[in-house]
Amino acid sequence: MSDSTAGPEREVEADALRTERLRDVASVAYSVLSFLLRFGWRLGQIAVTGAAVVVAVATDKSRRRAFKQWFFLEGDRWTIVGGITAAVFLITFVLARTDIVGVGQSGFVTNMFSAFISGLFSFVPIVITVNQLTVSQLMESPKGLREQIRGVRTLRTELGALQDGDGPSPTEPALFLSGVVESLRRRTAELRRLVDGFDDDMVDVVDELVDTVDREADEIRSRLDGSHLRLIVVLLPMMGGPYSESINRIRRIRAERYDELPGRAVDLLDELEELLLSLDVLRQYFKAIYIQQELSNLSRLIGYSGVGAFFVAMYVIMVFANGEPLPNAPVLLDGLVSLAITLEAIPFVILLLFVLRIATIAKRTAAPGAFTPREETPERAWNRPEEP
């Protein structure tokens, strides 16, 4: 074959190869673009639904109360993280497509992700501080550890003596708390029967006390629907309980009606006071364990997500260093940059949501003992259902 015929044939083969490659690139770009459009459509539906939910929550007091309870305390942290990051992606993508944010400008993108890297480095001292705080709670002398273990054992022994049944009390927090609640219910029922034949004033005072304690016991029991529950599930129904108020009522009844009460009723009041005090101690103990576990988990999550966000920012800067990539696919570029910005936001969202729950729990259980701050009263504790 002569060179005159071989040249055109090679050009035809090269053109065919280029066409095939362009077809492959177009197919990949079409697939990615279709995915982004479907993803954006789903996010749009979620946004519309979310807007409707926001309007409904903002105009209804009970819904606002339920939303606060879910967002600050009961809601799964990862579900909320996913919702916030999806909103970040959708907002960024819409702003990019409407040219409000110029994600196609290489200088702007590199500067923005350089700032992200600087912000991520500030997470290093946060992780170190959280770990130091957690470790400091563990660094006890042998004498201190022994006293702590003895204190817990003494509490278990005292509560076990007030519970029916043979053998030691369970070690699982949920089962142990269920036993304490059942002991409360049995004593309130017996106390109500003992004063049933007394004067109306005595019956009214005792009924008020019994109703308050039973309502608290029922609230806790309704949440403890099994064993092996997470500690946060055990802790939440104990928050905002009127323990101090009930203890003061017991002391008032005992002081004002001591001569009128039968001996067994006085014993029941003493046992109820001890059980309520023990519930308050358990709440503080479970809170300390939960916060320690949550801080350890938080430092690990910040470390994982922070390292991932750092590498994403680094690769984005390298891609945009030579100018705008994908000049012929602006929708794909906007989607990828929006996704990268969303990934950068994840460590900050994780930190915010976990710290919010820890701080809320610490705030609502800050005062053990005989005093009840305004924020811990049942009327102010929006993590509890409204009383009838």
Protein backbone atom coordinates (compact mmCIF):
# COMPACT_ATOMS: atom_id res chain seq x y z
CA MET A 1 0.00 0.00 0.00
CA SER A 2 1.39 3.37 -1.01
CA ASP A 3 1.92 6.29 1.36
CA SER A 4 -0.67 8.31 -0.58
CA THR A 5 -3.45 5.87 0.40
CA ALA A 6 -2.12 5.06 3.89
CA GLY A 7 -2.27 8.72 5.00
CA PRO A 8 -6.00 9.21 4.43
CA GLU A 9 -6.75 5.84 6.02
CA ARG A 10 -4.82 6.81 9.16
CA GLU A 11 -6.67 10.11 9.30
CA VAL A 12 -9.99 8.27 9.00
CA GLU A 13 -8.98 5.89 11.80
CA ALA A 14 -7.87 8.82 13.98
CA ASP A 15 -11.14 10.63 13.32
CA ALA A 16 -13.07 7.49 14.21
CA LEU A 17 -11.05 7.08 17.41
CA ARG A 18 -11.62 10.71 18.38
CA THR A 19 -15.31 10.34 17.65
CA GLU A 20 -15.48 7.22 19.80
CA ARG A 21 -13.72 8.97 22.67
CA LEU A 22 -15.98 12.00 22.40
CA ARG A 23 -18.96 9.66 22.41
CA ASP A 24 -17.68 7.99 25.59
CA VAL A 25 -17.03 11.34 27.27
CA ALA A 26 -20.46 12.57 26.22
CA SER A 27 -22.05 9.40 27.59
CA VAL A 28 -20.30 9.81 30.94
CA ALA A 29 -21.16 13.51 31.07
CA TYR A 30 -24.78 12.74 30.20
CA SER A 31 -24.97 10.11 32.95
CA VAL A 32 -23.48 12.46 35.54
CA LEU A 33 -25.69 15.32 34.39
CA SER A 34 -28.79 13.11 34.53
CA PHE A 35 -27.87 12.03 38.05
CA LEU A 36 -27.37 15.63 39.16
CA LEU A 37 -30.67 16.70 37.62
CA ARG A 38 -32.54 13.83 39.29
CA PHE A 39 -30.76 14.58 42.55
CA GLY A 40 -31.61 18.26 42.24
CA TRP A 41 -35.24 17.42 41.50
CA ARG A 42 -35.46 15.25 44.60
CA LEU A 43 -33.81 17.96 46.66
CA GLY A 44 -36.30 20.46 45.26
CA GLN A 45 -39.16 18.24 46.37
CA ILE A 46 -37.56 17.94 49.80
CA ALA A 47 -37.14 21.73 49.94
CA VAL A 48 -40.81 22.33 49.11
CA THR A 49 -41.87 19.77 51.70
CA GLY A 50 -39.49 21.32 54.21
CA ALA A 51 -40.90 24.78 53.57
CA ALA A 52 -44.41 23.47 54.20
CA VAL A 53 -43.23 21.81 57.42
CA VAL A 54 -41.52 25.03 58.55
CA VAL A 55 -44.72 27.01 58.01
CA ALA A 56 -46.75 24.40 59.91
CA VAL A 57 -44.26 24.30 62.78
CA ALA A 58 -44.00 28.09 63.02
CA THR A 59 -47.75 28.53 63.33
CA ASP A 60 -48.46 25.80 65.90
CA LYS A 61 -47.13 25.83 69.48
CA SER A 62 -47.30 22.07 70.01
CA ARG A 63 -45.49 21.47 66.73
CA ARG A 64 -42.79 23.97 67.68
CA ARG A 65 -42.39 22.13 70.96
CA ALA A 66 -42.15 18.77 69.19
CA PHE A 67 -39.66 20.15 66.66
CA LYS A 68 -37.41 21.53 69.40
CA GLN A 69 -37.55 18.20 71.18
CA TRP A 70 -36.60 16.36 67.99
CA PHE A 71 -33.92 18.77 66.77
CA PHE A 72 -32.10 19.38 70.04
CA LEU A 73 -32.52 16.04 71.79
CA GLU A 74 -34.33 13.08 70.29
CA GLY A 75 -33.55 13.34 66.58
CA ASP A 76 -30.89 11.07 65.11
CA ARG A 77 -27.82 13.24 64.62
CA TRP A 78 -26.96 11.70 61.25
CA THR A 79 -30.45 12.28 59.90
CA ILE A 80 -30.19 15.97 60.77
CA VAL A 81 -26.64 16.15 59.39
CA GLY A 82 -27.90 14.66 56.13
CA GLY A 83 -30.78 17.13 55.93
CA ILE A 84 -28.59 20.17 56.56
CA THR A 85 -25.89 19.09 54.10
CA ALA A 86 -28.54 18.36 51.44
CA ALA A 87 -29.89 21.88 51.97
CA VAL A 88 -26.36 23.29 51.62
CA PHE A 89 -25.89 21.44 48.32
CA LEU A 90 -29.24 22.54 46.94
CA ILE A 91 -28.78 26.19 47.90
CA THR A 92 -25.23 26.31 46.52
CA PHE A 93 -26.25 24.62 43.26
CA VAL A 94 -29.18 27.01 42.74
CA LEU A 95 -26.99 30.04 43.47
CA ALA A 96 -24.37 28.76 41.04
CA ARG A 97 -26.88 28.09 38.25
CA THR A 98 -28.39 31.57 38.65
CA ASP A 99 -24.90 33.15 38.51
CA ILE A 100 -25.27 34.66 41.98
CA VAL A 101 -22.17 32.71 43.01
CA GLY A 102 -19.44 32.36 40.41
CA VAL A 103 -18.17 28.85 41.05
CA GLY A 104 -16.73 28.75 37.54
CA GLN A 105 -14.14 31.43 38.35
CA SER A 106 -10.95 29.62 39.23
CA GLY A 107 -9.54 32.41 41.41
CA PHE A 108 -12.68 32.59 43.53
CA VAL A 109 -12.87 28.82 43.97
CA THR A 110 -9.20 28.40 44.92
CA ASN A 111 -9.41 31.24 47.45
CA MET A 112 -12.58 29.82 48.96
CA PHE A 113 -11.19 26.32 49.38
CA SER A 114 -7.93 27.71 50.74
CA ALA A 115 -10.04 29.38 53.42
CA PHE A 116 -11.73 26.04 54.05
CA ILE A 117 -8.34 24.44 54.66
CA SER A 118 -7.42 27.19 57.11
CA GLY A 119 -10.70 26.67 58.94
CA LEU A 120 -10.20 22.92 59.05
CA PHE A 121 -6.82 23.36 60.72
CA SER A 122 -8.62 25.13 63.56
CA PHE A 123 -10.37 21.82 64.20
CA VAL A 124 -7.09 20.29 65.37
CA PRO A 125 -7.03 22.16 68.71
CA ILE A 126 -10.76 21.45 69.10
CA VAL A 127 -10.17 17.71 68.77
CA ILE A 128 -7.19 17.90 71.13
CA THR A 129 -9.19 19.88 73.70
CA VAL A 130 -12.13 17.47 73.54
CA ASN A 131 -9.81 14.50 73.97
CA GLN A 132 -8.04 16.17 76.89
CA LEU A 133 -11.39 16.87 78.52
CA THR A 134 -12.44 13.25 78.07
CA VAL A 135 -9.14 11.83 79.30
CA SER A 136 -9.12 14.15 82.32
CA GLN A 137 -12.37 12.53 83.47
CA LEU A 138 -10.71 9.12 83.30
CA MET A 139 -7.47 9.99 85.07
CA GLU A 140 -8.39 9.06 88.63
CA SER A 141 -6.13 7.79 91.36
CA PRO A 142 -6.76 4.24 92.58
CA LYS A 143 -8.25 5.70 95.77
CA GLY A 144 -10.59 7.95 93.81
CA LEU A 145 -11.67 5.08 91.55
CA ARG A 146 -12.33 2.88 94.56
CA GLU A 147 -14.47 5.56 96.20
CA GLN A 148 -16.40 6.10 92.98
CA ILE A 149 -17.08 2.39 92.57
CA ARG A 150 -18.11 2.10 96.20
CA GLY A 151 -20.48 5.03 95.81
CA VAL A 152 -22.18 3.42 92.80
CA ARG A 153 -22.39 0.09 94.61
CA THR A 154 -23.91 1.74 97.68
CA LEU A 155 -26.55 3.41 95.53
CA ARG A 156 -27.40 0.11 93.83
CA THR A 157 -27.64 -1.63 97.20
CA GLU A 158 -29.92 1.02 98.68
CA LEU A 159 -32.22 1.01 95.66
CA GLY A 160 -32.19 -2.78 95.53
CA ALA A 161 -33.43 -2.87 99.12
CA LEU A 162 -36.43 -0.76 98.09
CA GLN A 163 -37.32 -3.03 95.17
CA ASP A 164 -39.20 -6.31 95.34
CA GLY A 165 -37.61 -9.51 94.17
CA ASP A 166 -34.62 -11.61 95.07
CA GLY A 167 -31.11 -11.33 93.73
CA PRO A 168 -29.07 -8.34 92.64
CA SER A 169 -30.56 -5.56 90.56
CA PRO A 170 -29.80 -5.55 86.80
CA THR A 171 -26.71 -3.80 85.49
CA GLU A 172 -28.32 -2.38 82.34
CA PRO A 173 -29.40 1.25 82.90
CA ALA A 174 -32.82 0.77 81.27
CA LEU A 175 -33.74 -2.31 83.30
CA PHE A 176 -32.38 -0.80 86.51
CA LEU A 177 -34.38 2.39 85.98
CA SER A 178 -37.50 0.36 85.19
CA GLY A 179 -37.18 -1.36 88.56
CA VAL A 180 -36.94 2.00 90.35
CA VAL A 181 -40.02 3.28 88.51
CA GLU A 182 -42.03 0.18 89.41
CA SER A 183 -41.06 0.67 93.06
CA LEU A 184 -42.37 4.23 92.87
CA ARG A 185 -45.67 3.11 91.39
CA ARG A 186 -46.23 0.42 94.02
CA ARG A 187 -45.63 2.84 96.89
CA THR A 188 -47.84 5.59 95.49
CA ALA A 189 -50.67 3.09 94.99
CA GLU A 190 -50.31 1.81 98.56
CA LEU A 191 -50.13 5.36 99.95
CA ARG A 192 -53.32 6.34 98.13
CA ARG A 193 -55.13 3.32 99.60
CA LEU A 194 -53.94 4.10 103.14
CA VAL A 195 -55.30 7.68 103.16
CA ASP A 196 -58.51 6.89 101.30
CA GLY A 197 -60.62 7.08 104.46
CA PHE A 198 -59.13 10.31 105.84
CA ASP A 199 -60.55 13.83 105.58
CA ASP A 200 -60.83 15.54 102.21
CA ASP A 201 -57.87 17.86 102.79
CA MET A 202 -55.57 14.92 103.50
CA VAL A 203 -56.86 13.01 100.48
CA ASP A 204 -56.42 16.03 98.19
CA VAL A 205 -52.86 16.69 99.35
CA VAL A 206 -51.80 13.06 98.95
CA ASP A 207 -53.60 12.73 95.60
CA GLU A 208 -51.73 15.75 94.29
CA LEU A 209 -48.42 14.21 95.31
CA VAL A 210 -49.32 10.77 93.97
CA ASP A 211 -50.54 12.17 90.63
CA THR A 212 -47.29 14.09 90.14
CA VAL A 213 -45.09 11.09 90.97
CA ASP A 214 -47.21 8.69 88.88
CA ARG A 215 -47.11 11.04 85.90
CA GLU A 216 -43.32 11.17 86.13
CA ALA A 217 -43.07 7.39 86.52
CA ASP A 218 -45.40 6.78 83.56
CA GLU A 219 -43.38 9.17 81.39
CA ILE A 220 -40.19 7.25 82.12
CA ARG A 221 -41.82 3.84 81.76
CA SER A 222 -43.37 4.74 78.40
CA ARG A 223 -39.90 5.38 76.94
CA LEU A 224 -38.22 2.25 78.32
CA ASP A 225 -39.67 -0.34 75.95
CA GLY A 226 -36.86 -2.88 76.15
CA SER A 227 -33.33 -3.67 77.22
CA HIS A 228 -30.01 -2.74 75.57
CA LEU A 229 -31.27 0.81 75.01
CA ARG A 230 -28.86 3.59 74.23
CA LEU A 231 -28.00 5.76 77.20
CA ILE A 232 -29.54 8.84 75.59
CA VAL A 233 -32.89 7.00 75.39
CA VAL A 234 -32.70 6.26 79.12
CA LEU A 235 -31.64 9.79 80.01
CA LEU A 236 -34.18 11.82 78.01
CA PRO A 237 -37.38 10.92 79.94
CA MET A 238 -35.61 11.79 83.22
CA MET A 239 -35.01 15.39 82.16
CA GLY A 240 -37.34 18.07 83.44
CA GLY A 241 -38.78 15.80 86.12
CA PRO A 242 -40.22 17.63 89.16
CA TYR A 243 -38.15 15.62 91.65
CA SER A 244 -37.41 18.57 93.93
CA GLU A 245 -41.04 19.67 93.91
CA SER A 246 -42.26 16.19 94.84
CA ILE A 247 -39.67 15.87 97.61
CA ASN A 248 -40.76 19.20 99.07
CA ARG A 249 -44.39 18.05 98.99
CA ILE A 250 -43.44 14.90 100.87
CA ARG A 251 -41.65 16.90 103.53
CA ARG A 252 -44.56 19.32 103.83
CA ILE A 253 -47.07 16.49 104.28
CA ARG A 254 -44.86 14.83 106.85
CA ALA A 255 -44.38 18.08 108.78
CA GLU A 256 -48.01 19.20 108.72
CA ARG A 257 -49.81 15.85 108.96
CA TYR A 258 -47.38 13.67 110.87
CA ASP A 259 -49.71 13.08 113.84
CA GLU A 260 -52.61 12.12 111.56
CA LEU A 261 -50.69 9.67 109.38
CA PRO A 262 -50.47 5.97 110.22
CA GLY A 263 -47.00 4.54 110.71
CA ARG A 264 -46.99 2.73 107.38
CA ALA A 265 -47.88 5.95 105.54
CA VAL A 266 -44.91 7.72 107.14
CA ASP A 267 -42.65 4.86 106.06
CA LEU A 268 -44.01 5.10 102.51
CA LEU A 269 -43.32 8.83 102.42
CA ASP A 270 -39.75 8.18 103.58
CA GLU A 271 -39.28 5.53 100.90
CA LEU A 272 -40.77 7.76 98.20
CA GLU A 273 -38.40 10.55 99.18
CA GLU A 274 -35.44 8.19 99.00
CA LEU A 275 -36.52 6.86 95.59
CA LEU A 276 -36.96 10.37 94.18
CA LEU A 277 -33.56 11.43 95.50
CA SER A 278 -32.06 8.32 93.92
CA LEU A 279 -33.72 9.16 90.58
CA ASP A 280 -32.05 12.56 90.71
CA VAL A 281 -28.69 10.94 91.45
CA LEU A 282 -29.19 8.44 88.63
CA ARG A 283 -30.01 11.24 86.22
CA GLN A 284 -26.77 13.04 87.03
CA TYR A 285 -24.76 9.81 86.85
CA PHE A 286 -26.22 8.78 83.50
CA LYS A 287 -25.66 12.32 82.20
CA ALA A 288 -21.97 12.21 83.15
CA ILE A 289 -21.49 8.86 81.41
CA TYR A 290 -23.38 10.00 78.30
CA ILE A 291 -21.45 13.26 77.92
CA GLN A 292 -18.16 11.42 78.33
CA GLN A 293 -19.11 8.89 75.64
CA GLU A 294 -20.47 11.58 73.32
CA LEU A 295 -17.34 13.73 73.58
CA SER A 296 -15.19 10.72 72.70
CA ASN A 297 -17.42 9.96 69.72
CA LEU A 298 -17.43 13.61 68.65
CA SER A 299 -13.64 13.90 68.57
CA ARG A 300 -13.43 10.77 66.41
CA LEU A 301 -16.09 12.00 63.97
CA ILE A 302 -14.46 15.42 63.66
CA GLY A 303 -11.14 13.74 62.93
CA TYR A 304 -12.58 11.50 60.20
CA SER A 305 -14.69 14.16 58.49
CA GLY A 306 -12.00 16.83 58.84
CA VAL A 307 -9.35 14.73 57.11
CA GLY A 308 -11.76 13.89 54.29
CA ALA A 309 -12.72 17.54 53.85
CA PHE A 310 -9.05 18.54 53.79
CA PHE A 311 -8.26 16.20 50.89
CA VAL A 312 -11.36 17.34 48.98
CA ALA A 313 -10.29 20.98 49.32
CA MET A 314 -6.73 20.15 48.29
CA TYR A 315 -7.80 18.34 45.11
CA VAL A 316 -10.27 21.09 44.18
CA ILE A 317 -7.49 23.69 44.43
CA MET A 318 -5.20 21.55 42.25
CA VAL A 319 -7.93 21.06 39.64
CA PHE A 320 -8.68 24.79 39.42
CA ALA A 321 -5.00 25.82 39.49
CA ASN A 322 -4.75 25.72 35.68
CA GLY A 323 -7.99 27.56 35.00
CA GLU A 324 -11.63 26.59 34.74
CA PRO A 325 -12.12 22.84 34.18
CA LEU A 326 -15.00 21.45 32.12
CA PRO A 327 -15.69 24.68 30.18
CA ASN A 328 -18.19 22.85 27.97
CA ALA A 329 -20.18 21.34 30.87
CA PRO A 330 -21.19 24.21 33.19
CA VAL A 331 -24.02 22.27 34.85
CA LEU A 332 -21.67 19.42 35.70
CA LEU A 333 -19.07 21.88 37.01
CA ASP A 334 -21.63 23.65 39.20
CA GLY A 335 -22.80 20.33 40.58
CA LEU A 336 -19.30 19.09 41.40
CA VAL A 337 -18.27 22.35 43.08
CA SER A 338 -21.52 22.41 45.06
CA LEU A 339 -20.84 18.85 46.16
CA ALA A 340 -17.30 19.78 47.23
CA ILE A 341 -18.61 22.74 49.26
CA THR A 342 -21.15 20.42 50.90
CA LEU A 343 -18.39 17.99 51.88
CA GLU A 344 -16.43 20.87 53.40
CA ALA A 345 -19.45 21.80 55.55
CA ILE A 346 -19.89 18.33 57.05
CA PRO A 347 -17.30 18.65 59.90
CA PHE A 348 -18.80 21.97 60.99
CA VAL A 349 -22.35 20.59 60.92
CA ILE A 350 -21.31 17.53 62.94
CA LEU A 351 -19.65 19.73 65.56
CA LEU A 352 -22.69 22.01 65.79
CA LEU A 353 -25.32 19.28 66.17
CA PHE A 354 -23.46 17.13 68.68
CA VAL A 355 -22.47 20.11 70.82
CA LEU A 356 -26.07 21.40 70.73
CA ARG A 357 -27.40 18.18 72.23
CA ILE A 358 -24.65 17.95 74.85
CA ALA A 359 -25.17 21.58 75.86
CA THR A 360 -28.95 21.19 75.99
CA ILE A 361 -28.73 18.13 78.24
CA ALA A 362 -26.20 19.85 80.50
CA LYS A 363 -28.43 22.93 80.73
CA ARG A 364 -31.60 21.04 81.57
CA THR A 365 -29.95 18.91 84.29
CA ALA A 366 -27.65 21.52 85.79
CA ALA A 367 -29.10 21.69 89.31
CA PRO A 368 -29.43 18.43 91.26
CA GLY A 369 -30.87 18.48 94.73
CA ALA A 370 -33.54 20.56 96.36
CA PHE A 371 -33.58 23.46 93.88
CA THR A 372 -35.37 23.60 90.52
CA PRO A 373 -34.24 26.37 88.16
CA ARG A 374 -36.86 27.85 85.87
CA GLU A 375 -35.41 26.13 82.80
CA GLU A 376 -35.81 22.71 84.47
CA THR A 377 -39.44 23.06 85.50
CA PRO A 378 -41.98 20.87 83.65
CA GLU A 379 -43.62 24.01 82.23
CA ARG A 380 -40.34 25.09 80.59
CA ALA A 381 -38.99 21.64 79.72
CA TRP A 382 -40.12 21.35 76.10
CA ASN A 383 -38.59 17.88 75.89
CA ARG A 384 -41.58 16.62 77.89
CA PRO A 385 -45.25 16.37 76.87
CA GLU A 386 -47.58 19.06 78.12
CA GLU A 387 -49.44 18.18 81.27
CA PRO A 388 -53.20 17.81 80.98
